Amino acid sequence: MEPFTAWVDFQEEMLKLHRAQLDAAQKAFRAGAGAAAAQTAATKAAEAGLDMWKSWFRLWGIK
């Protein structure tokens, strides 16, 4: 096993997550969603980003 295989795999999954979030936000805007839907999408994206960093900290044993 490569020394940083888990790290690379984790980063690839996070990149997929962020791409999916961006795609969802773009679709919401293109569909003419209102400001409330955009705000909800932004909140979900921020929460997902926070969860990603929490996972990263746990992965590296940072408290």
PDB file of N, CA and C in Angstrom:
ATOM      1  N   MET A   1       0.852  -1.192   0.000  1.00  0.00           N
ATOM      2  CA  MET A   1       0.000   0.000   0.000  1.00  0.00           C
ATOM      3  C   MET A   1       0.888   1.243   0.000  1.00  0.00           C
ATOM      4  N   GLU A   2       0.595   2.133  -0.887  1.00  0.00           N
ATOM      5  CA  GLU A   2       1.334   3.393  -0.950  1.00  0.00           C
ATOM      6  C   GLU A   2       1.112   4.170   0.340  1.00  0.00           C
ATOM      7  N   PRO A   3       2.104   4.940   0.773  1.00  0.00           N
ATOM      8  CA  PRO A   3       1.973   5.666   2.047  1.00  0.00           C
ATOM      9  C   PRO A   3       0.767   6.599   2.119  1.00  0.00           C
ATOM     10  N   PHE A   4       0.425   7.217   1.020  1.00  0.00           N
ATOM     11  CA  PHE A   4      -0.643   8.211   1.058  1.00  0.00           C
ATOM     12  C   PHE A   4      -1.880   7.780   0.276  1.00  0.00           C
ATOM     13  N   THR A   5      -2.046   6.478   0.080  1.00  0.00           N
ATOM     14  CA  THR A   5      -3.201   5.990  -0.682  1.00  0.00           C
ATOM     15  C   THR A   5      -4.516   6.423  -0.045  1.00  0.00           C
ATOM     16  N   ALA A   6      -4.629   6.280   1.269  1.00  0.00           N
ATOM     17  CA  ALA A   6      -5.872   6.683   1.943  1.00  0.00           C
ATOM     18  C   ALA A   6      -6.119   8.170   1.766  1.00  0.00           C
ATOM     19  N   TRP A   7      -5.071   8.963   1.857  1.00  0.00           N
ATOM     20  CA  TRP A   7      -5.181  10.417   1.689  1.00  0.00           C
ATOM     21  C   TRP A   7      -5.663  10.753   0.282  1.00  0.00           C
ATOM     22  N   VAL A   8      -5.067  10.128  -0.726  1.00  0.00           N
ATOM     23  CA  VAL A   8      -5.448  10.400  -2.115  1.00  0.00           C
ATOM     24  C   VAL A   8      -6.893   9.971  -2.352  1.00  0.00           C
ATOM     25  N   ASP A   9      -7.258   8.794  -1.867  1.00  0.00           N
ATOM     26  CA  ASP A   9      -8.637   8.320  -2.027  1.00  0.00           C
ATOM     27  C   ASP A   9      -9.625   9.278  -1.372  1.00  0.00           C
ATOM     28  N   PHE A  10      -9.284   9.740  -0.179  1.00  0.00           N
ATOM     29  CA  PHE A  10     -10.148  10.678   0.544  1.00  0.00           C
ATOM     30  C   PHE A  10     -10.310  11.975  -0.248  1.00  0.00           C
ATOM     31  N   GLN A  11      -9.219  12.508  -0.757  1.00  0.00           N
ATOM     32  CA  GLN A  11      -9.278  13.751  -1.518  1.00  0.00           C
ATOM     33  C   GLN A  11     -10.097  13.577  -2.797  1.00  0.00           C
ATOM     34  N   GLU A  12      -9.963  12.427  -3.458  1.00  0.00           N
ATOM     35  CA  GLU A  12     -10.752  12.169  -4.668  1.00  0.00           C
ATOM     36  C   GLU A  12     -12.244  12.129  -4.347  1.00  0.00           C
ATOM     37  N   GLU A  13     -12.605  11.520  -3.230  1.00  0.00           N
ATOM     38  CA  GLU A  13     -14.007  11.483  -2.826  1.00  0.00           C
ATOM     39  C   GLU A  13     -14.517  12.888  -2.498  1.00  0.00           C
ATOM     40  N   MET A  14     -13.708  13.688  -1.858  1.00  0.00           N
ATOM     41  CA  MET A  14     -14.111  15.054  -1.528  1.00  0.00           C
ATOM     42  C   MET A  14     -14.274  15.884  -2.801  1.00  0.00           C
ATOM     43  N   LEU A  15     -13.405  15.656  -3.783  1.00  0.00           N
ATOM     44  CA  LEU A  15     -13.531  16.359  -5.056  1.00  0.00           C
ATOM     45  C   LEU A  15     -14.842  15.984  -5.744  1.00  0.00           C
ATOM     46  N   LYS A  16     -15.188  14.703  -5.717  1.00  0.00           N
ATOM     47  CA  LYS A  16     -16.468  14.269  -6.288  1.00  0.00           C
ATOM     48  C   LYS A  16     -17.634  14.942  -5.567  1.00  0.00           C
ATOM     49  N   LEU A  17     -17.541  15.015  -4.240  1.00  0.00           N
ATOM     50  CA  LEU A  17     -18.590  15.654  -3.444  1.00  0.00           C
ATOM     51  C   LEU A  17     -18.753  17.118  -3.841  1.00  0.00           C
ATOM     52  N   HIS A  18     -17.646  17.833  -3.946  1.00  0.00           N
ATOM     53  CA  HIS A  18     -17.717  19.253  -4.290  1.00  0.00           C
ATOM     54  C   HIS A  18     -18.253  19.457  -5.706  1.00  0.00           C
ATOM     55  N   ARG A  19     -17.862  18.592  -6.625  1.00  0.00           N
ATOM     56  CA  ARG A  19     -18.386  18.694  -7.994  1.00  0.00           C
ATOM     57  C   ARG A  19     -19.899  18.470  -8.010  1.00  0.00           C
ATOM     58  N   ALA A  20     -20.360  17.501  -7.250  1.00  0.00           N
ATOM     59  CA  ALA A  20     -21.800  17.231  -7.179  1.00  0.00           C
ATOM     60  C   ALA A  20     -22.545  18.422  -6.584  1.00  0.00           C
ATOM     61  N   GLN A  21     -21.954  19.049  -5.580  1.00  0.00           N
ATOM     62  CA  GLN A  21     -22.577  20.226  -4.970  1.00  0.00           C
ATOM     63  C   GLN A  21     -22.657  21.368  -5.975  1.00  0.00           C
ATOM     64  N   LEU A  22     -21.585  21.584  -6.709  1.00  0.00           N
ATOM     65  CA  LEU A  22     -21.594  22.648  -7.715  1.00  0.00           C
ATOM     66  C   LEU A  22     -22.619  22.364  -8.804  1.00  0.00           C
ATOM     67  N   ASP A  23     -22.689  21.123  -9.256  1.00  0.00           N
ATOM     68  CA  ASP A  23     -23.680  20.755 -10.271  1.00  0.00           C
ATOM     69  C   ASP A  23     -25.098  21.010  -9.773  1.00  0.00           C
ATOM     70  N   ALA A  24     -25.371  20.635  -8.529  1.00  0.00           N
ATOM     71  CA  ALA A  24     -26.704  20.848  -7.963  1.00  0.00           C
ATOM     72  C   ALA A  24     -27.030  22.333  -7.871  1.00  0.00           C
ATOM     73  N   ALA A  25     -26.068  23.129  -7.447  1.00  0.00           N
ATOM     74  CA  ALA A  25     -26.295  24.571  -7.340  1.00  0.00           C
ATOM     75  C   ALA A  25     -26.527  25.185  -8.717  1.00  0.00           C
ATOM     76  N   GLN A  26     -25.744  24.769  -9.717  1.00  0.00           N
ATOM     77  CA  GLN A  26     -25.920  25.299 -11.070  1.00  0.00           C
ATOM     78  C   GLN A  26     -27.290  24.927 -11.631  1.00  0.00           C
ATOM     79  N   LYS A  27     -27.724  23.700 -11.398  1.00  0.00           N
ATOM     80  CA  LYS A  27     -29.043  23.276 -11.878  1.00  0.00           C
ATOM     81  C   LYS A  27     -30.154  24.083 -11.208  1.00  0.00           C
ATOM     82  N   ALA A  28     -29.995  24.352  -9.931  1.00  0.00           N
ATOM     83  CA  ALA A  28     -31.004  25.133  -9.214  1.00  0.00           C
ATOM     84  C   ALA A  28     -31.113  26.534  -9.798  1.00  0.00           C
ATOM     85  N   PHE A  29     -29.977  27.149 -10.083  1.00  0.00           N
ATOM     86  CA  PHE A  29     -30.012  28.493 -10.660  1.00  0.00           C
ATOM     87  C   PHE A  29     -30.584  28.470 -12.072  1.00  0.00           C
ATOM     88  N   ARG A  30     -30.194  27.494 -12.881  1.00  0.00           N
ATOM     89  CA  ARG A  30     -30.697  27.412 -14.257  1.00  0.00           C
ATOM     90  C   ARG A  30     -32.195  27.135 -14.284  1.00  0.00           C
ATOM     91  N   ALA A  31     -32.684  26.410 -13.317  1.00  0.00           N
ATOM     92  CA  ALA A  31     -34.109  26.080 -13.277  1.00  0.00           C
ATOM     93  C   ALA A  31     -34.947  27.254 -12.783  1.00  0.00           C
ATOM     94  N   GLY A  32     -34.296  28.347 -12.455  1.00  0.00           N
ATOM     95  CA  GLY A  32     -35.029  29.523 -12.003  1.00  0.00           C
ATOM     96  C   GLY A  32     -35.456  29.423 -10.553  1.00  0.00           C
ATOM     97  N   ALA A  33     -34.748  28.632  -9.798  1.00  0.00           N
ATOM     98  CA  ALA A  33     -35.085  28.494  -8.380  1.00  0.00           C
ATOM     99  C   ALA A  33     -34.946  29.848  -7.704  1.00  0.00           C
ATOM    100  N   GLY A  34     -35.770  30.066  -6.708  1.00  0.00           N
ATOM    101  CA  GLY A  34     -35.758  31.331  -5.993  1.00  0.00           C
ATOM    102  C   GLY A  34     -34.567  31.464  -5.061  1.00  0.00           C
ATOM    103  N   ALA A  35     -34.482  32.607  -4.451  1.00  0.00           N
ATOM    104  CA  ALA A  35     -33.377  32.901  -3.542  1.00  0.00           C
ATOM    105  C   ALA A  35     -33.358  31.943  -2.353  1.00  0.00           C
ATOM    106  N   ALA A  36     -34.523  31.528  -1.901  1.00  0.00           N
ATOM    107  CA  ALA A  36     -34.575  30.612  -0.752  1.00  0.00           C
ATOM    108  C   ALA A  36     -33.927  29.276  -1.098  1.00  0.00           C
ATOM    109  N   ALA A  37     -34.185  28.770  -2.302  1.00  0.00           N
ATOM    110  CA  ALA A  37     -33.584  27.501  -2.719  1.00  0.00           C
ATOM    111  C   ALA A  37     -32.075  27.646  -2.872  1.00  0.00           C
ATOM    112  N   ALA A  38     -31.640  28.777  -3.395  1.00  0.00           N
ATOM    113  CA  ALA A  38     -30.205  29.022  -3.540  1.00  0.00           C
ATOM    114  C   ALA A  38     -29.541  29.105  -2.167  1.00  0.00           C
ATOM    115  N   GLN A  39     -30.220  29.757  -1.235  1.00  0.00           N
ATOM    116  CA  GLN A  39     -29.680  29.866   0.120  1.00  0.00           C
ATOM    117  C   GLN A  39     -29.599  28.483   0.776  1.00  0.00           C
ATOM    118  N   THR A  40     -30.604  27.670   0.562  1.00  0.00           N
ATOM    119  CA  THR A  40     -30.595  26.313   1.108  1.00  0.00           C
ATOM    120  C   THR A  40     -29.444  25.505   0.514  1.00  0.00           C
ATOM    121  N   ALA A  41     -29.242  25.623  -0.791  1.00  0.00           N
ATOM    122  CA  ALA A  41     -28.140  24.908  -1.441  1.00  0.00           C
ATOM    123  C   ALA A  41     -26.797  25.380  -0.900  1.00  0.00           C
ATOM    124  N   ALA A  42     -26.659  26.682  -0.697  1.00  0.00           N
ATOM    125  CA  ALA A  42     -25.413  27.220  -0.153  1.00  0.00           C
ATOM    126  C   ALA A  42     -25.177  26.720   1.268  1.00  0.00           C
ATOM    127  N   THR A  43     -26.239  26.650   2.053  1.00  0.00           N
ATOM    128  CA  THR A  43     -26.117  26.136   3.422  1.00  0.00           C
ATOM    129  C   THR A  43     -25.688  24.678   3.408  1.00  0.00           C
ATOM    130  N   LYS A  44     -26.300  23.891   2.537  1.00  0.00           N
ATOM    131  CA  LYS A  44     -25.938  22.476   2.444  1.00  0.00           C
ATOM    132  C   LYS A  44     -24.492  22.312   1.984  1.00  0.00           C
ATOM    133  N   ALA A  45     -24.055  23.141   1.049  1.00  0.00           N
ATOM    134  CA  ALA A  45     -22.673  23.076   0.581  1.00  0.00           C
ATOM    135  C   ALA A  45     -21.706  23.427   1.706  1.00  0.00           C
ATOM    136  N   ALA A  46     -22.047  24.453   2.476  1.00  0.00           N
ATOM    137  CA  ALA A  46     -21.191  24.845   3.603  1.00  0.00           C
ATOM    138  C   ALA A  46     -21.135  23.738   4.650  1.00  0.00           C
ATOM    139  N   GLU A  47     -22.276  23.121   4.931  1.00  0.00           N
ATOM    140  CA  GLU A  47     -22.310  22.026   5.906  1.00  0.00           C
ATOM    141  C   GLU A  47     -21.506  20.826   5.408  1.00  0.00           C
ATOM    142  N   ALA A  48     -21.595  20.536   4.120  1.00  0.00           N
ATOM    143  CA  ALA A  48     -20.825  19.425   3.557  1.00  0.00           C
ATOM    144  C   ALA A  48     -19.331  19.724   3.637  1.00  0.00           C
ATOM    145  N   GLY A  49     -18.962  20.981   3.382  1.00  0.00           N
ATOM    146  CA  GLY A  49     -17.561  21.371   3.517  1.00  0.00           C
ATOM    147  C   GLY A  49     -17.075  21.210   4.944  1.00  0.00           C
ATOM    148  N   LEU A  50     -17.903  21.596   5.893  1.00  0.00           N
ATOM    149  CA  LEU A  50     -17.554  21.439   7.305  1.00  0.00           C
ATOM    150  C   LEU A  50     -17.389  19.963   7.651  1.00  0.00           C
ATOM    151  N   ASP A  51     -18.312  19.136   7.170  1.00  0.00           N
ATOM    152  CA  ASP A  51     -18.211  17.697   7.417  1.00  0.00           C
ATOM    153  C   ASP A  51     -16.939  17.119   6.803  1.00  0.00           C
ATOM    154  N   MET A  52     -16.565  17.619   5.615  1.00  0.00           N
ATOM    155  CA  MET A  52     -15.341  17.157   4.969  1.00  0.00           C
ATOM    156  C   MET A  52     -14.133  17.462   5.834  1.00  0.00           C
ATOM    157  N   TRP A  53     -14.056  18.678   6.368  1.00  0.00           N
ATOM    158  CA  TRP A  53     -12.912  19.040   7.209  1.00  0.00           C
ATOM    159  C   TRP A  53     -12.900  18.247   8.504  1.00  0.00           C
ATOM    160  N   LYS A  54     -14.066  17.995   9.072  1.00  0.00           N
ATOM    161  CA  LYS A  54     -14.126  17.167  10.277  1.00  0.00           C
ATOM    162  C   LYS A  54     -13.585  15.769   9.976  1.00  0.00           C
ATOM    163  N   SER A  55     -13.963  15.219   8.825  1.00  0.00           N
ATOM    164  CA  SER A  55     -13.470  13.900   8.426  1.00  0.00           C
ATOM    165  C   SER A  55     -11.964  13.922   8.221  1.00  0.00           C
ATOM    166  N   TRP A  56     -11.483  14.983   7.609  1.00  0.00           N
ATOM    167  CA  TRP A  56     -10.044  15.119   7.374  1.00  0.00           C
ATOM    168  C   TRP A  56      -9.293  15.160   8.699  1.00  0.00           C
ATOM    169  N   PHE A  57      -9.807  15.942   9.647  1.00  0.00           N
ATOM    170  CA  PHE A  57      -9.172  16.015  10.966  1.00  0.00           C
ATOM    171  C   PHE A  57      -9.171  14.645  11.648  1.00  0.00           C
ATOM    172  N   ARG A  58     -10.299  13.926  11.559  1.00  0.00           N
ATOM    173  CA  ARG A  58     -10.363  12.595  12.167  1.00  0.00           C
ATOM    174  C   ARG A  58      -9.376  11.645  11.496  1.00  0.00           C
ATOM    175  N   LEU A  59      -9.262  11.747  10.162  1.00  0.00           N
ATOM    176  CA  LEU A  59      -8.351  10.893   9.417  1.00  0.00           C
ATOM    177  C   LEU A  59      -6.923  11.058   9.914  1.00  0.00           C
ATOM    178  N   TRP A  60      -6.538  12.283  10.215  1.00  0.00           N
ATOM    179  CA  TRP A  60      -5.164  12.568  10.638  1.00  0.00           C
ATOM    180  C   TRP A  60      -5.025  12.664  12.152  1.00  0.00           C
ATOM    181  N   GLY A  61      -6.088  12.373  12.886  1.00  0.00           N
ATOM    182  CA  GLY A  61      -6.008  12.357  14.343  1.00  0.00           C
ATOM    183  C   GLY A  61      -5.874  13.728  14.971  1.00  0.00           C
ATOM    184  N   ILE A  62      -6.368  14.753  14.287  1.00  0.00           N
ATOM    185  CA  ILE A  62      -6.303  16.121  14.797  1.00  0.00           C
ATOM    186  C   ILE A  62      -7.574  16.406  15.585  1.00  0.00           C
ATOM    187  N   LYS A  63      -7.401  16.977  16.769  1.00  0.00           N
ATOM    188  CA  LYS A  63      -8.576  17.304  17.595  1.00  0.00           C
ATOM    189  C   LYS A  63      -8.773  18.795  17.674  1.00  0.00           C
TER     190      LYS A  63
END
